[in-house]
C-alpha cells in the first residue's frame, strides 16, 4: 500500500512539544478561533490544513485540555442535516476538517478560495509524525483486534519513538454503562495525549462528544483510516480522489453496505446545497 502523503512543516507552525510540554492557554484559545469556516447545510466546516489541525491536536493533547476533531464528509453533513442534536455536537468540535473533496469545492464556492482537503488517513499520519517528535503518546479506539494489532505495529515502524500505550476494539453493539465507564478509565489511565477514534460516522462523533468532559486527551474521529492505513480496505486511486469520485470507488468495493449512503445521501447533498446557493 502506498504511504499517505504527509505535509511538511511550514516554518513557525510546528509545536515544539519537547521544549514546551504545556501550550499556553492564550495560544491554545487563539488556535481554536483562528480558522475561517463556513456552514454547509448548517454544519460548520473549517478551511484548515494538515499542519494547522495537527498543531491544534498536539497542543490540546500536551495541555491535557481535551477536545475533539471531526473529519467531515458529505455523509456527515447529511447526518447533521437530519439531526439537529448531531449538528450541535459537530459544530461544537474544536476543528471540523473537509475530508470529502465536495466539501472543499463547497467551501471555495462559499468564498474560501484557499480551502484544501484534509484527508483522515493522511491527517492521522501527520499527527503521529509530530507526536513521535514531541513525545506525545497516542491511542487507538475502534476497528477489529486484528486491524488494531497491524496498525499499532505499522505506526511504531513508520514513526520511530511513537508510543501507543492504548489500543482497544470495542464490541459491535451498544456498550453497557459499566463497560463504557471502564473503557473511559482505561483510556485515562494510559496517559495518551491523542486518541484516534475509528468507529465510523455518526457513532464516533457521538462517542467523542459524550466523553469530552471525562477525558483530557485530544480525540480525533478518523472513520475508516485504520482500515485504509493497514490495507485492510483499498483506497481509491489519487486521480479518483482528486476528481471527487472516491465515493464511487468505495461504492464499487462495498455496494451492499454503502449504496444508501452514496446514492441517496449524495443526491440529497447535491439537491440541498444547490438550494443553499451562495451567500449574498
C-alpha atoms as a PDB file:
ATOM      1  CA  UNK A   1       0.000   0.000   0.000  1.00  0.00           C
ATOM      2  CA  UNK A   2       1.390   3.425  -0.883  1.00  0.00           C
ATOM      3  CA  UNK A   3       2.289   5.571   2.048  1.00  0.00           C
ATOM      4  CA  UNK A   4      -0.057   8.556   2.533  1.00  0.00           C
ATOM      5  CA  UNK A   5       1.491  11.911   1.775  1.00  0.00           C
ATOM      6  CA  UNK A   6       2.250  13.872   4.940  1.00  0.00           C
ATOM      7  CA  UNK A   7       2.501  17.605   4.758  1.00  0.00           C
ATOM      8  CA  UNK A   8       5.868  19.127   5.524  1.00  0.00           C
ATOM      9  CA  UNK A   9       6.207  21.512   8.423  1.00  0.00           C
ATOM     10  CA  UNK A  10       5.907  25.169   7.401  1.00  0.00           C
ATOM     11  CA  UNK A  11       8.296  27.453   9.275  1.00  0.00           C
ATOM     12  CA  UNK A  12       6.944  28.655  12.574  1.00  0.00           C
ATOM     13  CA  UNK A  13       3.889  26.381  12.713  1.00  0.00           C
ATOM     14  CA  UNK A  14       5.115  23.234  14.431  1.00  0.00           C
ATOM     15  CA  UNK A  15       4.639  22.940  18.175  1.00  0.00           C
ATOM     16  CA  UNK A  16       7.955  22.204  19.902  1.00  0.00           C
ATOM     17  CA  UNK A  17       6.317  19.949  22.461  1.00  0.00           C
ATOM     18  CA  UNK A  18       9.539  18.563  23.814  1.00  0.00           C
ATOM     19  CA  UNK A  19      10.625  22.049  24.825  1.00  0.00           C
ATOM     20  CA  UNK A  20       7.143  23.252  25.782  1.00  0.00           C
ATOM     21  CA  UNK A  21       5.208  20.390  27.379  1.00  0.00           C
ATOM     22  CA  UNK A  22       2.086  22.511  28.033  1.00  0.00           C
ATOM     23  CA  UNK A  23       0.884  25.051  25.477  1.00  0.00           C
ATOM     24  CA  UNK A  24      -0.074  28.423  26.967  1.00  0.00           C
ATOM     25  CA  UNK A  25      -3.829  28.848  27.241  1.00  0.00           C
ATOM     26  CA  UNK A  26      -3.845  32.023  25.169  1.00  0.00           C
ATOM     27  CA  UNK A  27      -2.098  30.288  22.304  1.00  0.00           C
ATOM     28  CA  UNK A  28      -4.495  27.361  22.549  1.00  0.00           C
ATOM     29  CA  UNK A  29      -7.521  29.661  22.512  1.00  0.00           C
ATOM     30  CA  UNK A  30      -6.080  31.521  19.530  1.00  0.00           C
ATOM     31  CA  UNK A  31      -5.635  28.259  17.622  1.00  0.00           C
ATOM     32  CA  UNK A  32      -9.221  27.254  18.346  1.00  0.00           C
ATOM     33  CA  UNK A  33     -10.585  30.520  16.967  1.00  0.00           C
ATOM     34  CA  UNK A  34      -8.159  31.305  14.141  1.00  0.00           C
ATOM     35  CA  UNK A  35      -9.556  29.081  11.398  1.00  0.00           C
ATOM     36  CA  UNK A  36     -12.025  30.522   8.849  1.00  0.00           C
ATOM     37  CA  UNK A  37     -15.147  28.418   8.358  1.00  0.00           C
ATOM     38  CA  UNK A  38     -18.447  28.225   6.536  1.00  0.00           C
ATOM     39  CA  UNK A  39     -21.734  26.482   7.253  1.00  0.00           C
ATOM     40  CA  UNK A  40     -22.646  23.790   4.734  1.00  0.00           C
ATOM     41  CA  UNK A  41     -26.343  22.993   5.216  1.00  0.00           C
ATOM     42  CA  UNK A  42     -25.925  24.341   8.734  1.00  0.00           C
ATOM     43  CA  UNK A  43     -22.868  22.260   9.673  1.00  0.00           C
ATOM     44  CA  UNK A  44     -19.589  24.105  10.256  1.00  0.00           C
ATOM     45  CA  UNK A  45     -16.630  23.077   8.119  1.00  0.00           C
ATOM     46  CA  UNK A  46     -13.217  24.709   8.663  1.00  0.00           C
ATOM     47  CA  UNK A  47     -10.801  25.767   5.929  1.00  0.00           C
ATOM     48  CA  UNK A  48      -7.853  24.271   7.772  1.00  0.00           C
ATOM     49  CA  UNK A  49      -4.731  22.333   6.737  1.00  0.00           C
ATOM     50  CA  UNK A  50      -2.835  19.241   7.860  1.00  0.00           C
ATOM     51  CA  UNK A  51      -0.246  21.361   9.685  1.00  0.00           C
ATOM     52  CA  UNK A  52      -2.786  23.644  11.387  1.00  0.00           C
ATOM     53  CA  UNK A  53      -5.021  20.799  12.542  1.00  0.00           C
ATOM     54  CA  UNK A  54      -2.092  18.693  13.747  1.00  0.00           C
ATOM     55  CA  UNK A  55      -0.703  21.638  15.709  1.00  0.00           C
ATOM     56  CA  UNK A  56      -4.071  22.189  17.385  1.00  0.00           C
ATOM     57  CA  UNK A  57      -4.467  18.494  18.243  1.00  0.00           C
ATOM     58  CA  UNK A  58      -0.989  18.229  19.753  1.00  0.00           C
ATOM     59  CA  UNK A  59      -1.380  21.461  21.701  1.00  0.00           C
ATOM     60  CA  UNK A  60      -4.658  20.139  23.118  1.00  0.00           C
ATOM     61  CA  UNK A  61      -3.015  16.830  23.959  1.00  0.00           C
ATOM     62  CA  UNK A  62       0.080  18.365  25.535  1.00  0.00           C
ATOM     63  CA  UNK A  63      -2.029  20.775  27.599  1.00  0.00           C
ATOM     64  CA  UNK A  64      -4.358  17.939  28.680  1.00  0.00           C
ATOM     65  CA  UNK A  65      -7.165  20.232  27.526  1.00  0.00           C
ATOM     66  CA  UNK A  66      -9.335  17.546  25.929  1.00  0.00           C
ATOM     67  CA  UNK A  67     -11.260  18.464  22.813  1.00  0.00           C
ATOM     68  CA  UNK A  68     -12.422  16.752  19.639  1.00  0.00           C
ATOM     69  CA  UNK A  69     -11.747  16.959  15.921  1.00  0.00           C
ATOM     70  CA  UNK A  70     -14.220  15.754  13.294  1.00  0.00           C
ATOM     71  CA  UNK A  71     -13.105  14.688   9.819  1.00  0.00           C
ATOM     72  CA  UNK A  72     -16.102  15.632   7.684  1.00  0.00           C
ATOM     73  CA  UNK A  73     -17.592  14.093   4.566  1.00  0.00           C
ATOM     74  CA  UNK A  74     -20.860  14.686   2.723  1.00  0.00           C
ATOM     75  CA  UNK A  75     -22.236  11.763   4.758  1.00  0.00           C
ATOM     76  CA  UNK A  76     -21.521  13.675   7.976  1.00  0.00           C
ATOM     77  CA  UNK A  77     -23.168  16.802   6.561  1.00  0.00           C
ATOM     78  CA  UNK A  78     -26.343  14.867   5.780  1.00  0.00           C
ATOM     79  CA  UNK A  79     -26.331  13.187   9.196  1.00  0.00           C
ATOM     80  CA  UNK A  80     -26.177  16.671  10.720  1.00  0.00           C
ATOM     81  CA  UNK A  81     -28.830  17.994   8.328  1.00  0.00           C
ATOM     82  CA  UNK A  82     -31.206  15.245   9.508  1.00  0.00           C
ATOM     83  CA  UNK A  83     -30.358  15.540  13.216  1.00  0.00           C
ATOM     84  CA  UNK A  84     -30.194  18.935  14.993  1.00  0.00           C
ATOM     85  CA  UNK A  85     -28.632  17.219  18.003  1.00  0.00           C
ATOM     86  CA  UNK A  86     -25.847  15.746  15.891  1.00  0.00           C
ATOM     87  CA  UNK A  87     -25.315  19.098  14.156  1.00  0.00           C
ATOM     88  CA  UNK A  88     -24.864  20.833  17.515  1.00  0.00           C
ATOM     89  CA  UNK A  89     -22.179  18.441  18.698  1.00  0.00           C
ATOM     90  CA  UNK A  90     -20.243  18.635  15.417  1.00  0.00           C
ATOM     91  CA  UNK A  91     -20.451  22.433  15.393  1.00  0.00           C
ATOM     92  CA  UNK A  92     -19.049  22.445  18.939  1.00  0.00           C
ATOM     93  CA  UNK A  93     -15.928  20.497  17.892  1.00  0.00           C
ATOM     94  CA  UNK A  94     -12.531  22.181  18.052  1.00  0.00           C
ATOM     95  CA  UNK A  95     -11.972  21.522  14.365  1.00  0.00           C
ATOM     96  CA  UNK A  96     -14.117  20.122  11.527  1.00  0.00           C
ATOM     97  CA  UNK A  97     -11.853  19.303   8.595  1.00  0.00           C
ATOM     98  CA  UNK A  98     -13.010  18.927   4.962  1.00  0.00           C
ATOM     99  CA  UNK A  99     -12.153  15.289   4.267  1.00  0.00           C
ATOM    100  CA  UNK A 100     -14.531  14.980   1.317  1.00  0.00           C
ATOM    101  CA  UNK A 101     -13.479  16.777  -1.876  1.00  0.00           C
ATOM    102  CA  UNK A 102     -17.067  18.010  -2.492  1.00  0.00           C
ATOM    103  CA  UNK A 103     -16.822  19.876   0.823  1.00  0.00           C
ATOM    104  CA  UNK A 104     -13.633  21.561  -0.383  1.00  0.00           C
ATOM    105  CA  UNK A 105     -15.408  22.644  -3.549  1.00  0.00           C
ATOM    106  CA  UNK A 106     -18.322  23.917  -1.484  1.00  0.00           C
ATOM    107  CA  UNK A 107     -16.054  25.938   0.824  1.00  0.00           C
ATOM    108  CA  UNK A 108     -14.447  27.540  -2.230  1.00  0.00           C
ATOM    109  CA  UNK A 109     -17.857  28.345  -3.684  1.00  0.00           C
ATOM    110  CA  UNK A 110     -18.728  29.980  -0.364  1.00  0.00           C
ATOM    111  CA  UNK A 111     -15.738  32.317  -0.606  1.00  0.00           C
ATOM    112  CA  UNK A 112     -12.853  30.394   0.996  1.00  0.00           C
ATOM    113  CA  UNK A 113     -10.702  30.110  -2.117  1.00  0.00           C
ATOM    114  CA  UNK A 114      -7.715  28.619  -0.281  1.00  0.00           C
ATOM    115  CA  UNK A 115      -9.695  25.661   1.151  1.00  0.00           C
ATOM    116  CA  UNK A 116      -7.929  22.313   0.715  1.00  0.00           C
ATOM    117  CA  UNK A 117      -8.660  18.725   1.607  1.00  0.00           C
ATOM    118  CA  UNK A 118      -7.620  17.331   5.000  1.00  0.00           C
ATOM    119  CA  UNK A 119      -7.951  13.578   4.469  1.00  0.00           C
ATOM    120  CA  UNK A 120      -8.362  11.396   7.558  1.00  0.00           C
ATOM    121  CA  UNK A 121      -5.605   8.799   6.949  1.00  0.00           C
ATOM    122  CA  UNK A 122      -3.080  11.475   5.942  1.00  0.00           C
ATOM    123  CA  UNK A 123      -4.055  13.649   8.937  1.00  0.00           C
ATOM    124  CA  UNK A 124      -3.538  10.684  11.254  1.00  0.00           C
ATOM    125  CA  UNK A 125      -0.057  10.128   9.792  1.00  0.00           C
ATOM    126  CA  UNK A 126       0.756  13.827  10.160  1.00  0.00           C
ATOM    127  CA  UNK A 127      -0.280  13.847  13.810  1.00  0.00           C
ATOM    128  CA  UNK A 128       1.668  10.663  14.541  1.00  0.00           C
ATOM    129  CA  UNK A 129       4.828  12.048  12.933  1.00  0.00           C
ATOM    130  CA  UNK A 130       4.669  15.161  15.105  1.00  0.00           C
ATOM    131  CA  UNK A 131       3.665  13.198  18.211  1.00  0.00           C
ATOM    132  CA  UNK A 132       6.735  10.977  17.809  1.00  0.00           C
ATOM    133  CA  UNK A 133       8.993  14.033  17.606  1.00  0.00           C
ATOM    134  CA  UNK A 134       7.277  15.744  20.522  1.00  0.00           C
ATOM    135  CA  UNK A 135       6.984  12.770  22.877  1.00  0.00           C
ATOM    136  CA  UNK A 136       3.176  12.719  22.879  1.00  0.00           C
ATOM    137  CA  UNK A 137       1.658   9.233  23.097  1.00  0.00           C
ATOM    138  CA  UNK A 138      -1.349   8.206  21.008  1.00  0.00           C
ATOM    139  CA  UNK A 139      -4.147   5.693  21.463  1.00  0.00           C
ATOM    140  CA  UNK A 140      -6.428   3.749  19.122  1.00  0.00           C
ATOM    141  CA  UNK A 141     -10.126   3.066  19.727  1.00  0.00           C
ATOM    142  CA  UNK A 142     -12.222   1.191  17.172  1.00  0.00           C
ATOM    143  CA  UNK A 143     -11.718  -1.308  14.392  1.00  0.00           C
ATOM    144  CA  UNK A 144     -11.151  -5.023  14.892  1.00  0.00           C
ATOM    145  CA  UNK A 145      -8.473  -6.632  17.099  1.00  0.00           C
ATOM    146  CA  UNK A 146      -6.584  -7.853  14.020  1.00  0.00           C
ATOM    147  CA  UNK A 147      -6.576  -4.412  12.395  1.00  0.00           C
ATOM    148  CA  UNK A 148      -5.501  -2.722  15.624  1.00  0.00           C
ATOM    149  CA  UNK A 149      -2.583  -5.115  16.031  1.00  0.00           C
ATOM    150  CA  UNK A 150      -1.405  -4.401  12.485  1.00  0.00           C
ATOM    151  CA  UNK A 151      -1.916  -0.665  12.864  1.00  0.00           C
ATOM    152  CA  UNK A 152      -0.024  -0.475  16.151  1.00  0.00           C
ATOM    153  CA  UNK A 153       2.975  -2.224  14.587  1.00  0.00           C
ATOM    154  CA  UNK A 154       2.746  -0.097  11.440  1.00  0.00           C
ATOM    155  CA  UNK A 155       2.722   3.197  13.346  1.00  0.00           C
ATOM    156  CA  UNK A 156       5.680   2.188  15.513  1.00  0.00           C
ATOM    157  CA  UNK A 157       7.688   1.190  12.419  1.00  0.00           C
ATOM    158  CA  UNK A 158       6.781   4.258  10.402  1.00  0.00           C
ATOM    159  CA  UNK A 159       7.269   6.743  13.240  1.00  0.00           C
ATOM    160  CA  UNK A 160      10.201   5.620  15.426  1.00  0.00           C
ATOM    161  CA  UNK A 161       9.770   6.644  19.047  1.00  0.00           C
ATOM    162  CA  UNK A 162       5.982   6.888  18.849  1.00  0.00           C
ATOM    163  CA  UNK A 163       4.331   5.442  21.945  1.00  0.00           C
ATOM    164  CA  UNK A 164       0.964   3.679  21.507  1.00  0.00           C
ATOM    165  CA  UNK A 165       0.056   2.579  25.044  1.00  0.00           C
ATOM    166  CA  UNK A 166      -3.655   2.093  24.364  1.00  0.00           C
ATOM    167  CA  UNK A 167      -5.470   0.153  21.636  1.00  0.00           C
ATOM    168  CA  UNK A 168      -8.946  -1.281  22.068  1.00  0.00           C
ATOM    169  CA  UNK A 169     -11.525  -2.772  19.732  1.00  0.00           C
ATOM    170  CA  UNK A 170     -14.943  -2.333  21.373  1.00  0.00           C
ATOM    171  CA  UNK A 171     -17.749  -4.850  20.768  1.00  0.00           C
ATOM    172  CA  UNK A 172     -20.025  -4.167  17.778  1.00  0.00           C
ATOM    173  CA  UNK A 173     -23.033  -3.381  19.948  1.00  0.00           C
ATOM    174  CA  UNK A 174     -24.127  -0.688  22.339  1.00  0.00           C
ATOM    175  CA  UNK A 175     -21.925  -0.701  25.419  1.00  0.00           C
ATOM    176  CA  UNK A 176     -23.368  -1.228  28.847  1.00  0.00           C
ATOM    177  CA  UNK A 177     -22.824   1.678  31.243  1.00  0.00           C
ATOM    178  CA  UNK A 178     -20.259  -0.252  33.272  1.00  0.00           C
ATOM    179  CA  UNK A 179     -18.322  -1.266  30.163  1.00  0.00           C
ATOM    180  CA  UNK A 180     -18.279   2.296  28.900  1.00  0.00           C
ATOM    181  CA  UNK A 181     -17.063   3.602  32.260  1.00  0.00           C
ATOM    182  CA  UNK A 182     -14.280   1.008  32.372  1.00  0.00           C
ATOM    183  CA  UNK A 183     -13.126   1.930  28.866  1.00  0.00           C
ATOM    184  CA  UNK A 184     -13.005   5.602  29.804  1.00  0.00           C
ATOM    185  CA  UNK A 185     -10.965   4.762  32.891  1.00  0.00           C
ATOM    186  CA  UNK A 186      -8.554   2.651  30.828  1.00  0.00           C
ATOM    187  CA  UNK A 187      -8.026   5.474  28.325  1.00  0.00           C
ATOM    188  CA  UNK A 188      -7.380   7.963  31.120  1.00  0.00           C
ATOM    189  CA  UNK A 189      -5.010   5.572  32.894  1.00  0.00           C
ATOM    190  CA  UNK A 190      -2.983   5.030  29.701  1.00  0.00           C
ATOM    191  CA  UNK A 191      -1.978   8.700  29.680  1.00  0.00           C
ATOM    192  CA  UNK A 192      -2.394   9.122  25.919  1.00  0.00           C
ATOM    193  CA  UNK A 193      -2.301  12.696  24.672  1.00  0.00           C
ATOM    194  CA  UNK A 194      -4.175  11.939  21.444  1.00  0.00           C
ATOM    195  CA  UNK A 195      -6.852   9.302  20.908  1.00  0.00           C
ATOM    196  CA  UNK A 196      -7.774   8.279  17.361  1.00  0.00           C
ATOM    197  CA  UNK A 197     -11.381   7.074  17.234  1.00  0.00           C
ATOM    198  CA  UNK A 198     -12.347   4.842  14.319  1.00  0.00           C
ATOM    199  CA  UNK A 199     -15.981   3.914  14.928  1.00  0.00           C
ATOM    200  CA  UNK A 200     -17.482   5.421  11.771  1.00  0.00           C
ATOM    201  CA  UNK A 201     -19.867   8.360  11.423  1.00  0.00           C
ATOM    202  CA  UNK A 202     -22.024   9.266  13.330  1.00  0.00           C
ATOM    203  CA  UNK A 203     -21.100   6.804  16.089  1.00  0.00           C
ATOM    204  CA  UNK A 204     -17.570   8.128  16.625  1.00  0.00           C
ATOM    205  CA  UNK A 205     -18.666  11.782  16.839  1.00  0.00           C
ATOM    206  CA  UNK A 206     -21.384  10.949  19.344  1.00  0.00           C
ATOM    207  CA  UNK A 207     -18.910   8.898  21.390  1.00  0.00           C
ATOM    208  CA  UNK A 208     -16.313  11.701  21.423  1.00  0.00           C
ATOM    209  CA  UNK A 209     -18.901  14.294  22.437  1.00  0.00           C
ATOM    210  CA  UNK A 210     -20.197  12.050  25.231  1.00  0.00           C
ATOM    211  CA  UNK A 211     -16.666  11.560  26.646  1.00  0.00           C
ATOM    212  CA  UNK A 212     -15.297  15.037  26.043  1.00  0.00           C
ATOM    213  CA  UNK A 213     -15.661  16.123  29.649  1.00  0.00           C
ATOM    214  CA  UNK A 214     -14.379  12.847  31.084  1.00  0.00           C
ATOM    215  CA  UNK A 215     -11.164  12.554  29.041  1.00  0.00           C
ATOM    216  CA  UNK A 216      -8.345  15.087  28.909  1.00  0.00           C
ATOM    217  CA  UNK A 217      -6.774  13.736  25.698  1.00  0.00           C
ATOM    218  CA  UNK A 218      -7.494  15.236  22.286  1.00  0.00           C
ATOM    219  CA  UNK A 219      -9.834  12.960  20.309  1.00  0.00           C
ATOM    220  CA  UNK A 220      -9.781  12.708  16.521  1.00  0.00           C
ATOM    221  CA  UNK A 221     -12.524  10.835  14.670  1.00  0.00           C
ATOM    222  CA  UNK A 222     -10.878   9.229  11.650  1.00  0.00           C
ATOM    223  CA  UNK A 223     -13.571   6.928  10.259  1.00  0.00           C
ATOM    224  CA  UNK A 224     -12.118   4.142   8.106  1.00  0.00           C
ATOM    225  CA  UNK A 225      -8.499   5.353   8.426  1.00  0.00           C
ATOM    226  CA  UNK A 226      -7.496   2.286  10.481  1.00  0.00           C
ATOM    227  CA  UNK A 227      -8.537   0.014   7.607  1.00  0.00           C
ATOM    228  CA  UNK A 228      -7.030   2.230   4.916  1.00  0.00           C
ATOM    229  CA  UNK A 229      -3.641   2.592   6.602  1.00  0.00           C
ATOM    230  CA  UNK A 230      -3.293  -1.161   7.179  1.00  0.00           C
ATOM    231  CA  UNK A 231      -4.515  -2.022   3.687  1.00  0.00           C
ATOM    232  CA  UNK A 232      -7.499  -3.945   5.053  1.00  0.00           C
ATOM    233  CA  UNK A 233      -9.646  -1.832   2.739  1.00  0.00           C
ATOM    234  CA  UNK A 234      -8.320  -0.427  -0.560  1.00  0.00           C
ATOM    235  CA  UNK A 235      -8.039   3.316  -1.073  1.00  0.00           C
ATOM    236  CA  UNK A 236      -9.257   4.996  -4.238  1.00  0.00           C
ATOM    237  CA  UNK A 237      -6.509   5.972  -6.718  1.00  0.00           C
ATOM    238  CA  UNK A 238      -5.296   9.564  -6.246  1.00  0.00           C
ATOM    239  CA  UNK A 239      -6.826  10.720  -9.534  1.00  0.00           C
ATOM    240  CA  UNK A 240     -10.274   9.482  -8.459  1.00  0.00           C
ATOM    241  CA  UNK A 241      -9.889  11.210  -5.104  1.00  0.00           C
ATOM    242  CA  UNK A 242      -8.867  14.492  -6.772  1.00  0.00           C
ATOM    243  CA  UNK A 243     -11.885  14.256  -9.076  1.00  0.00           C
ATOM    244  CA  UNK A 244     -14.230  13.924  -6.094  1.00  0.00           C
ATOM    245  CA  UNK A 245     -15.141  10.344  -7.105  1.00  0.00           C
ATOM    246  CA  UNK A 246     -13.733   8.432  -4.142  1.00  0.00           C
ATOM    247  CA  UNK A 247     -17.326   7.623  -3.195  1.00  0.00           C
ATOM    248  CA  UNK A 248     -17.751   5.731  -6.482  1.00  0.00           C
ATOM    249  CA  UNK A 249     -14.704   3.583  -5.750  1.00  0.00           C
ATOM    250  CA  UNK A 250     -15.910   2.789  -2.233  1.00  0.00           C
ATOM    251  CA  UNK A 251     -19.401   2.018  -3.536  1.00  0.00           C
ATOM    252  CA  UNK A 252     -17.925  -0.461  -6.021  1.00  0.00           C
ATOM    253  CA  UNK A 253     -15.953  -2.117  -3.187  1.00  0.00           C
ATOM    254  CA  UNK A 254     -18.854  -2.310  -0.696  1.00  0.00           C
ATOM    255  CA  UNK A 255     -22.130  -1.871  -2.620  1.00  0.00           C
ATOM    256  CA  UNK A 256     -24.430  -3.611  -0.136  1.00  0.00           C
ATOM    257  CA  UNK A 257     -23.189  -1.577   2.833  1.00  0.00           C
ATOM    258  CA  UNK A 258     -22.732   1.811   1.174  1.00  0.00           C
ATOM    259  CA  UNK A 259     -25.355   2.120  -1.566  1.00  0.00           C
ATOM    260  CA  UNK A 260     -27.793   4.139   0.527  1.00  0.00           C
ATOM    261  CA  UNK A 261     -25.091   6.439   1.910  1.00  0.00           C
ATOM    262  CA  UNK A 262     -23.763   7.370  -1.511  1.00  0.00           C
ATOM    263  CA  UNK A 263     -26.627   7.014  -3.984  1.00  0.00           C
ATOM    264  CA  UNK A 264     -29.288   8.509  -1.723  1.00  0.00           C
ATOM    265  CA  UNK A 265     -27.107  10.666   0.535  1.00  0.00           C
ATOM    266  CA  UNK A 266     -25.023  12.239  -2.222  1.00  0.00           C
ATOM    267  CA  UNK A 267     -28.124  13.015  -4.289  1.00  0.00           C
ATOM    268  CA  UNK A 268     -29.722  14.735  -1.307  1.00  0.00           C
ATOM    269  CA  UNK A 269     -26.494  16.644  -0.620  1.00  0.00           C
ATOM    270  CA  UNK A 270     -26.364  17.977  -4.191  1.00  0.00           C
ATOM    271  CA  UNK A 271     -30.042  18.931  -4.108  1.00  0.00           C
ATOM    272  CA  UNK A 272     -29.907  20.812  -0.816  1.00  0.00           C
ATOM    273  CA  UNK A 273     -26.596  22.567  -1.483  1.00  0.00           C
ATOM    274  CA  UNK A 274     -27.991  23.756  -4.803  1.00  0.00           C
ATOM    275  CA  UNK A 275     -30.910  25.256  -2.868  1.00  0.00           C
ATOM    276  CA  UNK A 276     -28.492  26.822  -0.373  1.00  0.00           C
ATOM    277  CA  UNK A 277     -26.629  28.609  -3.165  1.00  0.00           C
ATOM    278  CA  UNK A 278     -24.002  31.229  -2.353  1.00  0.00           C
ATOM    279  CA  UNK A 279     -24.076  33.762   0.495  1.00  0.00           C
ATOM    280  CA  UNK A 280     -25.486  37.112  -0.520  1.00  0.00           C
END
